[in-house]
Amino acid sequence: MDRRKFLSVTIKTFFVILGVITSAIALITTYPFRIKKRTVKYFPVMDEDELPRRGVKTVVFSYKRQDRLLTTRAFVVNHANELYVLSPVCTHLGCLVNWHRKKKQFLCPCHGGKYDITGKVLAGPPPAPLTRLPMRIQKGKLYIGMKV
């Protein structure tokens, strides 16, 4: 093997190894291991008689995670005889969306994302619909599930 070929193979091998190491480090540091370990716990949000008969109702509630009290909000929706809870987090960059009653849409104030009442994307950059949160009704109360 001549010197030119040896240097060429050595340099190519170096950059391949560097690429593999860089990719491994990026994967390890960005993969959300802590989220996968969390379990869903249900928190009481409202009485059953306060549920919306139709349309959207915004609820604000607190829950405890790792000795910290966190406050968040969610949208309780009653549409086409179906009751469900939507997360307020835009699937584009994590901004909080708002319900616009006259337009009957969820609007992201940051990047123009628009969702219909079921959470499906109507316009803008969001790649996926709004997340449906787990919920259940027990003993006359609505409980929303959060990963803690």
C-alpha atoms as a PDB file:
ATOM      1  CA  MET A   1       0.000   0.000   0.000  1.00  0.00           C
ATOM      2  CA  ASP A   2       1.455   3.340  -0.980  1.00  0.00           C
ATOM      3  CA  ARG A   3       1.521   6.389   1.229  1.00  0.00           C
ATOM      4  CA  ARG A   4      -1.341   8.228  -0.526  1.00  0.00           C
ATOM      5  CA  LYS A   5      -3.751   5.297  -0.189  1.00  0.00           C
ATOM      6  CA  PHE A   6      -2.772   4.761   3.457  1.00  0.00           C
ATOM      7  CA  LEU A   7      -3.451   8.415   4.335  1.00  0.00           C
ATOM      8  CA  SER A   8      -6.774   8.342   2.456  1.00  0.00           C
ATOM      9  CA  VAL A   9      -7.981   5.217   4.297  1.00  0.00           C
ATOM     10  CA  THR A  10      -6.772   6.580   7.650  1.00  0.00           C
ATOM     11  CA  ILE A  11      -8.561   9.928   7.205  1.00  0.00           C
ATOM     12  CA  LYS A  12     -11.812   8.283   6.063  1.00  0.00           C
ATOM     13  CA  THR A  13     -11.716   5.865   9.000  1.00  0.00           C
ATOM     14  CA  PHE A  14     -11.089   8.736  11.422  1.00  0.00           C
ATOM     15  CA  PHE A  15     -14.116  10.697  10.193  1.00  0.00           C
ATOM     16  CA  VAL A  16     -16.385   7.633  10.240  1.00  0.00           C
ATOM     17  CA  ILE A  17     -15.399   6.903  13.858  1.00  0.00           C
ATOM     18  CA  LEU A  18     -15.830  10.592  14.761  1.00  0.00           C
ATOM     19  CA  GLY A  19     -19.315  10.575  13.198  1.00  0.00           C
ATOM     20  CA  VAL A  20     -20.352   7.444  15.100  1.00  0.00           C
ATOM     21  CA  ILE A  21     -19.108   8.847  18.413  1.00  0.00           C
ATOM     22  CA  THR A  22     -20.820  12.202  17.823  1.00  0.00           C
ATOM     23  CA  SER A  23     -24.103  10.499  16.897  1.00  0.00           C
ATOM     24  CA  ALA A  24     -23.960   8.278  19.979  1.00  0.00           C
ATOM     25  CA  ILE A  25     -23.331  11.246  22.277  1.00  0.00           C
ATOM     26  CA  ALA A  26     -26.174  13.229  20.679  1.00  0.00           C
ATOM     27  CA  LEU A  27     -28.577  10.302  21.055  1.00  0.00           C
ATOM     28  CA  ILE A  28     -27.634   9.674  24.680  1.00  0.00           C
ATOM     29  CA  THR A  29     -27.976  13.323  25.715  1.00  0.00           C
ATOM     30  CA  THR A  30     -31.236  14.040  23.880  1.00  0.00           C
ATOM     31  CA  TYR A  31     -33.214  10.855  24.523  1.00  0.00           C
ATOM     32  CA  PRO A  32     -35.737  11.545  27.316  1.00  0.00           C
ATOM     33  CA  PHE A  33     -35.047   8.597  29.625  1.00  0.00           C
ATOM     34  CA  ARG A  34     -36.789  10.260  32.571  1.00  0.00           C
ATOM     35  CA  ILE A  35     -40.075  10.644  30.672  1.00  0.00           C
ATOM     36  CA  LYS A  36     -40.227   6.938  29.873  1.00  0.00           C
ATOM     37  CA  LYS A  37     -39.896   6.040  33.558  1.00  0.00           C
ATOM     38  CA  ARG A  38     -42.840   8.216  34.636  1.00  0.00           C
ATOM     39  CA  THR A  39     -46.173   6.641  35.417  1.00  0.00           C
ATOM     40  CA  VAL A  40     -49.609   8.127  34.803  1.00  0.00           C
ATOM     41  CA  LYS A  41     -51.346   9.384  37.937  1.00  0.00           C
ATOM     42  CA  TYR A  42     -54.816  10.868  37.970  1.00  0.00           C
ATOM     43  CA  PHE A  43     -55.642  14.193  39.616  1.00  0.00           C
ATOM     44  CA  PRO A  44     -59.118  15.561  40.386  1.00  0.00           C
ATOM     45  CA  VAL A  45     -59.946  18.577  38.264  1.00  0.00           C
ATOM     46  CA  MET A  46     -63.645  19.338  38.503  1.00  0.00           C
ATOM     47  CA  ASP A  47     -66.993  17.984  39.572  1.00  0.00           C
ATOM     48  CA  GLU A  48     -68.953  16.021  37.012  1.00  0.00           C
ATOM     49  CA  ASP A  49     -71.792  18.568  36.999  1.00  0.00           C
ATOM     50  CA  GLU A  50     -69.308  21.309  35.923  1.00  0.00           C
ATOM     51  CA  LEU A  51     -68.406  19.487  32.689  1.00  0.00           C
ATOM     52  CA  PRO A  52     -69.247  21.410  29.523  1.00  0.00           C
ATOM     53  CA  ARG A  53     -72.506  20.306  27.890  1.00  0.00           C
ATOM     54  CA  ARG A  54     -70.923  21.180  24.548  1.00  0.00           C
ATOM     55  CA  GLY A  55     -67.866  23.069  23.448  1.00  0.00           C
ATOM     56  CA  VAL A  56     -64.616  23.706  25.302  1.00  0.00           C
ATOM     57  CA  LYS A  57     -63.883  24.544  28.917  1.00  0.00           C
ATOM     58  CA  THR A  58     -60.409  25.522  30.110  1.00  0.00           C
ATOM     59  CA  VAL A  59     -59.388  24.084  33.474  1.00  0.00           C
ATOM     60  CA  VAL A  60     -56.382  25.024  35.587  1.00  0.00           C
ATOM     61  CA  PHE A  61     -55.146  22.464  38.083  1.00  0.00           C
ATOM     62  CA  SER A  62     -52.122  21.622  40.191  1.00  0.00           C
ATOM     63  CA  TYR A  63     -50.320  18.354  40.700  1.00  0.00           C
ATOM     64  CA  LYS A  64     -47.249  17.228  42.578  1.00  0.00           C
ATOM     65  CA  ARG A  65     -44.165  15.816  40.847  1.00  0.00           C
ATOM     66  CA  GLN A  66     -40.943  15.034  42.684  1.00  0.00           C
ATOM     67  CA  ASP A  67     -41.807  17.209  45.691  1.00  0.00           C
ATOM     68  CA  ARG A  68     -42.696  20.177  43.459  1.00  0.00           C
ATOM     69  CA  LEU A  69     -46.171  21.587  42.981  1.00  0.00           C
ATOM     70  CA  LEU A  70     -46.807  22.256  39.283  1.00  0.00           C
ATOM     71  CA  THR A  71     -49.750  24.187  37.880  1.00  0.00           C
ATOM     72  CA  THR A  72     -50.972  23.582  34.362  1.00  0.00           C
ATOM     73  CA  ARG A  73     -54.110  23.834  32.290  1.00  0.00           C
ATOM     74  CA  ALA A  74     -56.026  21.619  29.941  1.00  0.00           C
ATOM     75  CA  PHE A  75     -59.080  21.805  27.704  1.00  0.00           C
ATOM     76  CA  VAL A  76     -62.118  19.689  28.554  1.00  0.00           C
ATOM     77  CA  VAL A  77     -64.065  19.218  25.323  1.00  0.00           C
ATOM     78  CA  ASN A  78     -67.565  17.909  24.738  1.00  0.00           C
ATOM     79  CA  HIS A  79     -68.046  17.575  20.984  1.00  0.00           C
ATOM     80  CA  ALA A  80     -70.353  15.261  19.016  1.00  0.00           C
ATOM     81  CA  ASN A  81     -71.407  13.493  22.228  1.00  0.00           C
ATOM     82  CA  GLU A  82     -67.786  12.672  23.040  1.00  0.00           C
ATOM     83  CA  LEU A  83     -65.947  13.934  26.117  1.00  0.00           C
ATOM     84  CA  TYR A  84     -62.155  14.229  25.987  1.00  0.00           C
ATOM     85  CA  VAL A  85     -59.290  16.320  27.371  1.00  0.00           C
ATOM     86  CA  LEU A  86     -56.708  18.057  25.174  1.00  0.00           C
ATOM     87  CA  SER A  87     -53.273  19.258  26.182  1.00  0.00           C
ATOM     88  CA  PRO A  88     -52.653  22.985  25.612  1.00  0.00           C
ATOM     89  CA  VAL A  89     -49.120  22.324  24.302  1.00  0.00           C
ATOM     90  CA  CYS A  90     -48.630  23.046  20.584  1.00  0.00           C
ATOM     91  CA  THR A  91     -46.955  20.130  18.821  1.00  0.00           C
ATOM     92  CA  HIS A  92     -44.721  22.481  16.824  1.00  0.00           C
ATOM     93  CA  LEU A  93     -42.442  24.045  19.447  1.00  0.00           C
ATOM     94  CA  GLY A  94     -44.294  23.598  22.737  1.00  0.00           C
ATOM     95  CA  CYS A  95     -46.068  26.964  22.932  1.00  0.00           C
ATOM     96  CA  LEU A  96     -49.401  27.069  24.755  1.00  0.00           C
ATOM     97  CA  VAL A  97     -52.446  27.279  22.509  1.00  0.00           C
ATOM     98  CA  ASN A  98     -55.656  29.125  23.339  1.00  0.00           C
ATOM     99  CA  TRP A  99     -59.263  28.354  22.474  1.00  0.00           C
ATOM    100  CA  HIS A 100     -60.876  31.007  20.270  1.00  0.00           C
ATOM    101  CA  ARG A 101     -64.614  30.692  20.836  1.00  0.00           C
ATOM    102  CA  LYS A 102     -65.792  32.700  17.794  1.00  0.00           C
ATOM    103  CA  LYS A 103     -63.488  30.914  15.324  1.00  0.00           C
ATOM    104  CA  LYS A 104     -64.036  27.575  17.087  1.00  0.00           C
ATOM    105  CA  GLN A 105     -60.330  26.808  16.816  1.00  0.00           C
ATOM    106  CA  PHE A 106     -57.306  26.350  19.028  1.00  0.00           C
ATOM    107  CA  LEU A 107     -54.748  28.982  18.002  1.00  0.00           C
ATOM    108  CA  CYS A 108     -51.022  29.073  18.682  1.00  0.00           C
ATOM    109  CA  PRO A 109     -50.050  32.714  19.283  1.00  0.00           C
ATOM    110  CA  CYS A 110     -46.389  32.178  18.403  1.00  0.00           C
ATOM    111  CA  HIS A 111     -46.223  30.537  14.988  1.00  0.00           C
ATOM    112  CA  GLY A 112     -49.763  30.565  13.618  1.00  0.00           C
ATOM    113  CA  GLY A 113     -50.699  26.943  14.236  1.00  0.00           C
ATOM    114  CA  LYS A 114     -54.433  26.235  14.062  1.00  0.00           C
ATOM    115  CA  TYR A 115     -56.297  23.192  15.365  1.00  0.00           C
ATOM    116  CA  ASP A 116     -59.973  22.272  15.144  1.00  0.00           C
ATOM    117  CA  ILE A 117     -62.120  21.359  18.162  1.00  0.00           C
ATOM    118  CA  THR A 118     -60.906  17.741  18.020  1.00  0.00           C
ATOM    119  CA  GLY A 119     -57.259  18.834  18.061  1.00  0.00           C
ATOM    120  CA  LYS A 120     -56.505  18.086  14.392  1.00  0.00           C
ATOM    121  CA  VAL A 121     -54.136  20.455  12.581  1.00  0.00           C
ATOM    122  CA  LEU A 122     -55.907  22.920  10.277  1.00  0.00           C
ATOM    123  CA  ALA A 123     -53.019  25.201   9.301  1.00  0.00           C
ATOM    124  CA  GLY A 124     -49.507  26.269  10.197  1.00  0.00           C
ATOM    125  CA  PRO A 125     -46.355  24.367  11.067  1.00  0.00           C
ATOM    126  CA  PRO A 126     -47.560  21.857  13.718  1.00  0.00           C
ATOM    127  CA  PRO A 127     -46.623  18.317  12.629  1.00  0.00           C
ATOM    128  CA  ALA A 128     -49.213  16.484  14.731  1.00  0.00           C
ATOM    129  CA  PRO A 129     -52.578  17.025  16.436  1.00  0.00           C
ATOM    130  CA  LEU A 130     -52.931  18.177  20.029  1.00  0.00           C
ATOM    131  CA  THR A 131     -52.313  15.415  22.551  1.00  0.00           C
ATOM    132  CA  ARG A 132     -55.328  13.810  24.192  1.00  0.00           C
ATOM    133  CA  LEU A 133     -54.745  13.391  27.897  1.00  0.00           C
ATOM    134  CA  PRO A 134     -56.016  10.322  29.734  1.00  0.00           C
ATOM    135  CA  MET A 135     -59.128  10.998  31.781  1.00  0.00           C
ATOM    136  CA  ARG A 136     -61.748   9.209  33.815  1.00  0.00           C
ATOM    137  CA  ILE A 137     -64.846  10.060  35.781  1.00  0.00           C
ATOM    138  CA  GLN A 138     -65.150   8.496  39.218  1.00  0.00           C
ATOM    139  CA  LYS A 139     -67.345   9.317  42.190  1.00  0.00           C
ATOM    140  CA  GLY A 140     -68.736  12.426  40.497  1.00  0.00           C
ATOM    141  CA  LYS A 141     -65.344  13.955  39.647  1.00  0.00           C
ATOM    142  CA  LEU A 142     -63.305  14.334  36.479  1.00  0.00           C
ATOM    143  CA  TYR A 143     -59.725  13.114  36.846  1.00  0.00           C
ATOM    144  CA  ILE A 144     -56.982  13.956  34.351  1.00  0.00           C
ATOM    145  CA  GLY A 145     -53.927  11.727  34.016  1.00  0.00           C
ATOM    146  CA  MET A 146     -50.446  13.222  34.032  1.00  0.00           C
ATOM    147  CA  LYS A 147     -47.075  11.474  33.818  1.00  0.00           C
ATOM    148  CA  VAL A 148     -45.291  12.004  37.113  1.00  0.00           C
END
